[in-house]
Protein backbone atom coordinates (compact mmCIF):
# COMPACT_ATOMS: atom_id res chain seq x y z
CA MET A 1 -2.75 20.13 40.72
CA SER A 2 -6.25 21.49 41.23
CA ALA A 3 -9.32 19.25 40.94
CA ALA A 4 -10.39 21.22 37.86
CA GLU A 5 -7.25 20.33 35.91
CA ASN A 6 -7.37 17.61 33.30
CA ASP A 7 -4.12 15.67 33.23
CA ASN A 8 -5.10 13.59 30.22
CA TYR A 9 -2.64 14.71 27.57
CA THR A 10 -3.54 12.21 24.87
CA VAL A 11 -4.07 13.61 21.40
CA GLU A 12 -7.63 12.26 21.45
CA ASP A 13 -8.48 14.31 24.52
CA LEU A 14 -6.38 17.42 23.86
CA PHE A 15 -7.80 17.90 20.37
CA SER A 16 -11.33 16.60 20.93
CA LEU A 17 -14.06 18.74 19.35
CA SER A 18 -16.95 16.39 19.98
CA GLY A 19 -20.25 18.04 20.92
CA LYS A 20 -19.32 21.54 19.79
CA THR A 21 -21.35 23.64 17.35
CA ALA A 22 -19.67 25.77 14.69
CA LEU A 23 -20.65 28.34 12.09
CA VAL A 24 -18.44 28.58 9.01
CA THR A 25 -19.19 31.57 6.78
CA GLY A 26 -18.32 31.10 3.14
CA GLY A 27 -18.62 27.40 3.93
CA SER A 28 -19.95 26.24 0.58
CA SER A 29 -16.61 26.19 -1.26
CA GLY A 30 -12.84 26.50 -0.99
CA LEU A 31 -11.24 26.62 2.44
CA GLY A 32 -14.64 27.08 4.07
CA LEU A 33 -15.85 23.75 2.71
CA ILE A 34 -12.61 22.06 3.76
CA MET A 35 -12.85 23.41 7.32
CA ALA A 36 -16.52 22.46 7.57
CA LYS A 37 -15.73 18.91 6.45
CA GLY A 38 -12.88 18.64 8.95
CA LEU A 39 -15.06 19.82 11.82
CA LEU A 40 -17.85 17.41 10.91
CA GLN A 41 -15.42 14.50 10.79
CA ASN A 42 -14.46 15.34 14.37
CA GLY A 43 -17.93 15.36 15.87
CA VAL A 44 -18.85 19.04 15.49
CA ARG A 45 -22.34 20.13 14.46
CA VAL A 46 -21.73 22.57 11.63
CA ILE A 47 -23.71 25.42 10.12
CA ILE A 48 -22.42 26.73 6.81
CA ALA A 49 -23.50 30.09 5.43
CA SER A 50 -23.10 31.37 1.89
CA ARG A 51 -24.83 33.93 -0.30
CA SER A 52 -25.95 31.36 -2.88
CA LYS A 53 -28.74 28.99 -1.91
CA GLU A 54 -27.74 26.73 -4.80
CA LYS A 55 -24.14 26.50 -3.58
CA CYS A 56 -25.36 25.91 -0.03
CA ASN A 57 -27.47 22.98 -1.17
CA MET A 58 -24.64 21.51 -3.25
CA ALA A 59 -22.24 21.76 -0.32
CA LEU A 60 -24.79 20.30 2.07
CA SER A 61 -25.23 17.23 -0.11
CA GLU A 62 -21.49 16.64 0.21
CA LEU A 63 -21.13 17.51 3.89
CA GLU A 64 -24.12 15.83 5.51
CA LYS A 65 -22.62 12.37 5.01
CA TYR A 66 -19.93 13.32 7.53
CA GLY A 67 -22.21 14.50 10.32
CA GLU A 68 -24.91 16.94 11.40
CA CYS A 69 -24.82 19.92 9.05
CA VAL A 70 -27.16 22.80 8.28
CA ALA A 71 -26.79 25.18 5.33
CA ILE A 72 -28.21 28.70 5.46
CA ALA A 73 -28.19 31.10 2.52
CA ALA A 74 -27.08 34.46 3.93
CA ASP A 75 -25.06 37.46 2.79
CA VAL A 76 -22.98 38.42 5.82
CA THR A 77 -22.59 41.98 4.48
CA ASP A 78 -26.37 42.48 4.69
CA SER A 79 -27.73 43.38 8.14
CA ALA A 80 -31.10 41.70 7.55
CA ASP A 81 -29.43 38.49 6.42
CA ARG A 82 -27.13 38.55 9.45
CA LYS A 83 -30.08 39.01 11.78
CA ALA A 84 -31.91 36.09 10.17
CA LEU A 85 -28.79 33.91 10.37
CA VAL A 86 -28.29 34.61 14.07
CA SER A 87 -31.98 33.97 14.73
CA LYS A 88 -31.90 30.59 12.94
CA ILE A 89 -28.82 29.48 14.86
CA GLU A 90 -30.38 30.49 18.17
CA LYS A 91 -33.64 28.72 17.36
CA GLU A 92 -32.05 25.49 16.16
CA PHE A 93 -28.98 25.20 18.38
CA GLY A 94 -29.38 27.68 21.24
CA ARG A 95 -25.65 28.38 21.46
CA LEU A 96 -22.49 28.55 19.35
CA SER A 97 -19.10 27.13 20.35
CA ILE A 98 -17.04 28.16 17.32
CA LEU A 99 -17.40 31.02 14.83
CA ILE A 100 -15.17 30.83 11.76
CA ASN A 101 -15.29 34.10 9.84
CA ASN A 102 -14.16 32.81 6.46
CA ALA A 103 -16.33 34.57 3.85
CA GLY A 104 -14.12 36.79 1.72
CA ALA A 105 -13.80 38.78 -1.48
CA ASN A 106 -10.92 39.99 -3.63
CA TRP A 107 -10.38 42.54 -6.38
CA GLY A 108 -7.27 42.93 -8.53
CA ALA A 109 -6.49 45.93 -10.73
CA LYS A 110 -3.75 48.44 -11.40
CA LEU A 111 -3.79 51.49 -9.17
CA GLU A 112 -5.08 53.86 -11.85
CA ASP A 113 -7.91 51.45 -12.69
CA TYR A 114 -8.85 50.41 -9.16
CA PRO A 115 -12.54 51.32 -8.58
CA ASP A 116 -13.95 52.77 -5.37
CA ALA A 117 -16.80 50.27 -5.54
CA GLY A 118 -14.37 47.34 -5.73
CA PHE A 119 -12.36 48.61 -2.78
CA ALA A 120 -15.51 49.14 -0.73
CA LYS A 121 -16.89 45.68 -1.55
CA VAL A 122 -13.73 43.93 -0.42
CA MET A 123 -13.48 45.93 2.81
CA ASP A 124 -17.17 45.39 3.54
CA THR A 125 -16.90 41.61 3.14
CA ASN A 126 -13.48 40.96 4.65
CA LEU A 127 -13.59 43.39 7.56
CA ASN A 128 -16.89 45.14 8.27
CA ALA A 129 -19.01 41.99 8.07
CA VAL A 130 -16.63 40.10 10.35
CA PHE A 131 -16.96 42.77 13.01
CA SER A 132 -20.74 42.96 12.72
CA LEU A 133 -21.39 39.21 12.71
CA THR A 134 -19.04 38.60 15.61
CA ARG A 135 -20.72 41.35 17.61
CA ASP A 136 -24.17 39.95 16.87
CA LEU A 137 -23.19 36.39 17.83
CA VAL A 138 -21.54 37.22 21.15
CA PRO A 139 -24.65 36.28 23.19
CA LEU A 140 -24.75 32.79 21.60
CA LEU A 141 -20.99 32.38 22.01
CA GLU A 142 -21.28 33.33 25.68
CA LYS A 143 -23.87 30.60 26.21
CA ALA A 144 -21.36 27.99 25.04
CA ALA A 145 -18.39 29.48 26.91
CA SER A 146 -16.75 28.58 30.19
CA ALA A 147 -13.43 29.33 31.87
CA ASP A 148 -12.14 25.82 31.09
CA ASP A 149 -13.53 25.73 27.55
CA PRO A 150 -13.94 29.21 26.03
CA ALA A 151 -16.01 29.83 22.95
CA ARG A 152 -13.80 30.46 19.93
CA VAL A 153 -13.77 33.04 17.16
CA ILE A 154 -11.41 32.13 14.33
CA ASN A 155 -10.91 34.78 11.66
CA ILE A 156 -9.47 33.74 8.32
CA GLY A 157 -6.94 36.40 7.45
CA SER A 158 -4.16 36.00 4.90
CA MET A 159 -0.40 36.06 4.51
CA ASP A 160 -1.17 39.04 2.24
CA GLY A 161 -2.06 40.94 5.41
CA ILE A 162 1.49 40.28 6.66
CA HIS A 163 3.51 41.04 3.54
CA VAL A 164 2.90 42.83 0.24
CA PRO A 165 1.91 40.21 -2.37
CA ILE A 166 3.55 40.45 -5.78
CA VAL A 167 3.53 36.93 -7.23
CA GLN A 168 0.17 37.34 -8.98
CA ARG A 169 1.46 40.47 -10.77
CA VAL A 170 -1.88 42.33 -10.35
CA PRO A 171 -2.16 44.55 -7.25
CA THR A 172 -4.81 43.62 -4.68
CA PHE A 173 -4.83 46.80 -2.61
CA ALA A 174 -8.14 46.28 -0.84
CA TYR A 175 -7.59 42.60 -0.10
CA SER A 176 -4.19 43.13 1.51
CA ALA A 177 -5.40 46.13 3.49
CA SER A 178 -8.54 44.34 4.64
CA LYS A 179 -6.61 41.32 5.88
CA ALA A 180 -4.05 43.45 7.72
CA ALA A 181 -6.93 45.28 9.37
CA LEU A 182 -8.63 41.98 10.16
CA HIS A 183 -5.51 40.78 11.93
CA HIS A 184 -5.55 43.85 14.15
CA LEU A 185 -9.30 43.62 14.68
CA THR A 186 -8.64 40.08 15.89
CA ARG A 187 -6.31 41.41 18.56
CA SER A 188 -8.75 44.12 19.62
CA LEU A 189 -11.64 41.66 19.90
CA ALA A 190 -9.43 39.22 21.80
CA VAL A 191 -8.80 41.81 24.50
CA ASP A 192 -12.45 42.82 24.72
CA LEU A 193 -14.05 39.37 24.65
CA ALA A 194 -11.64 37.54 26.97
CA ARG A 195 -13.66 38.64 30.00
CA ARG A 196 -16.65 36.82 28.47
CA GLN A 197 -14.62 33.61 28.07
CA ILE A 198 -14.39 33.99 24.28
CA THR A 199 -11.01 33.73 22.57
CA VAL A 200 -10.32 35.36 19.21
CA ASN A 201 -7.53 34.30 16.88
CA ALA A 202 -6.72 34.57 13.19
CA ILE A 203 -5.24 32.16 10.68
CA ALA A 204 -3.24 33.71 7.83
CA PRO A 205 -3.23 31.13 5.02
CA GLY A 206 -0.87 31.14 2.09
CA PHE A 207 -1.84 29.65 -1.24
CA PHE A 208 -4.34 26.79 -1.13
CA GLU A 209 -6.43 25.50 -4.00
CA SER A 210 -9.73 27.40 -4.13
CA ARG A 211 -11.90 29.39 -6.49
CA MET A 212 -10.01 32.54 -5.46
CA THR A 213 -6.66 31.06 -6.48
CA ASP A 214 -7.72 29.43 -9.77
CA TYR A 215 -6.32 32.27 -11.89
CA VAL A 216 -2.95 32.57 -10.18
CA PHE A 217 -2.47 28.80 -10.05
CA GLU A 218 -3.17 28.57 -13.75
CA ASN A 219 -0.73 31.35 -14.62
CA PHE A 220 1.87 31.47 -11.85
CA LYS A 221 1.92 28.10 -10.03
CA GLN A 222 5.67 27.64 -10.48
CA ASP A 223 6.37 31.17 -9.23
CA ILE A 224 4.15 30.57 -6.21
CA GLU A 225 6.10 27.43 -5.33
CA ASP A 226 9.43 29.18 -5.88
CA ASP A 227 8.26 32.02 -3.61
CA CYS A 228 7.70 29.57 -0.73
CA PRO A 229 10.63 28.17 1.28
CA LEU A 230 8.93 24.75 1.22
CA HIS A 231 8.38 25.12 -2.55
CA ARG A 232 4.77 23.98 -2.56
CA VAL A 233 1.23 25.15 -1.88
CA GLY A 234 -0.83 24.24 1.15
CA LYS A 235 -2.71 20.99 1.70
CA PRO A 236 -6.29 20.82 3.03
CA GLU A 237 -5.31 18.94 6.20
CA GLU A 238 -2.96 21.78 7.14
CA MET A 239 -5.90 24.18 7.47
CA VAL A 240 -8.05 21.63 9.28
CA GLY A 241 -5.20 20.95 11.70
CA ILE A 242 -4.74 24.55 12.80
CA VAL A 243 -8.52 25.00 13.17
CA ALA A 244 -8.67 21.85 15.31
CA TYR A 245 -5.90 23.21 17.53
CA LEU A 246 -7.52 26.61 18.02
CA ALA A 247 -10.98 25.12 18.67
CA SER A 248 -9.86 22.37 21.07
CA ARG A 249 -8.65 22.14 24.66
CA ALA A 250 -5.09 22.34 23.32
CA GLY A 251 -5.75 25.89 22.09
CA ALA A 252 -7.84 27.19 24.99
CA TYR A 253 -5.09 29.53 26.23
CA THR A 254 -4.19 30.87 22.78
CA ASN A 255 -5.75 34.29 22.33
CA GLY A 256 -5.15 37.31 20.11
CA THR A 257 -2.73 35.53 17.77
CA VAL A 258 -2.28 35.62 14.00
CA ILE A 259 -0.92 32.27 12.84
CA PRO A 260 0.55 32.08 9.32
CA VAL A 261 -0.03 28.79 7.49
CA ASP A 262 1.96 29.61 4.38
CA GLY A 263 5.11 27.50 4.36
CA GLY A 264 7.11 30.58 5.35
CA THR A 265 6.18 32.61 2.26
CA SER A 266 5.37 35.75 4.24
CA ILE A 267 8.83 35.89 5.82
CA SER A 268 11.02 34.80 2.92
CA LYS A 269 11.85 36.26 -0.46
CA GLY A 270 12.35 32.76 -1.90
CA ARG A 271 13.68 32.44 -5.45
CA ARG A 272 12.22 35.51 -7.10
CA SER A 273 14.14 35.72 -10.37
CA TRP A 274 10.88 36.73 -12.03
CA THR A 275 10.98 40.06 -10.16
CA ASP A 276 14.34 41.11 -11.61
């Protein structure tokens, strides 16, 4: 065993996140807020970014009781906002250990009614902005990176990028396409950034309670549960747990993966009598 190896395999050491700094885009609500809270509770300094200053402030009032948190109003699809966001992180923290690209958009409509503007908006938010922000933050990620403890990029994809979603009844062409593309972008970035000691992985969540799922939960909750082999939706701790793994020493050798957290929905047809 080399002198550099750490043979402490306790959960406390393997999954320790203490002292790291993370940016969570779309961190003012939904899964972003949950992940930010989980990171703070484990000793991470967290920056959340969201388009709405009001939502940022509301989230900050909830999050700051758990640890050191900063909220920055920024639209990640806007180049000027991205530049300002990167500048503020550099000025205040000097480096970035973890980037969670979580900000997302959706649009549902029948094929004949699906607007070009809606398709473009979803692709711009879910794919283009992820590429641009990751590219712009590489210098700060490099400053926090080492061979033993790489910096981490965690992209929030979707099970809808793995299978074709039908449970909500309304097609989401752009969302599904953007998440499938994001999964492959994750792999491409993982290959390119590994030499800089930065790992890139994606999480593909299934259904969790959030603003984006309010409509389908209200109308199709039973179908969603029937569609899942575990017959339930996801719990907040199940997203926090996979983030903790990817961001910790336990996940330092995991690179270029897409990890579904969906109870098996993306690989099973479940009980779909409602499709007959």
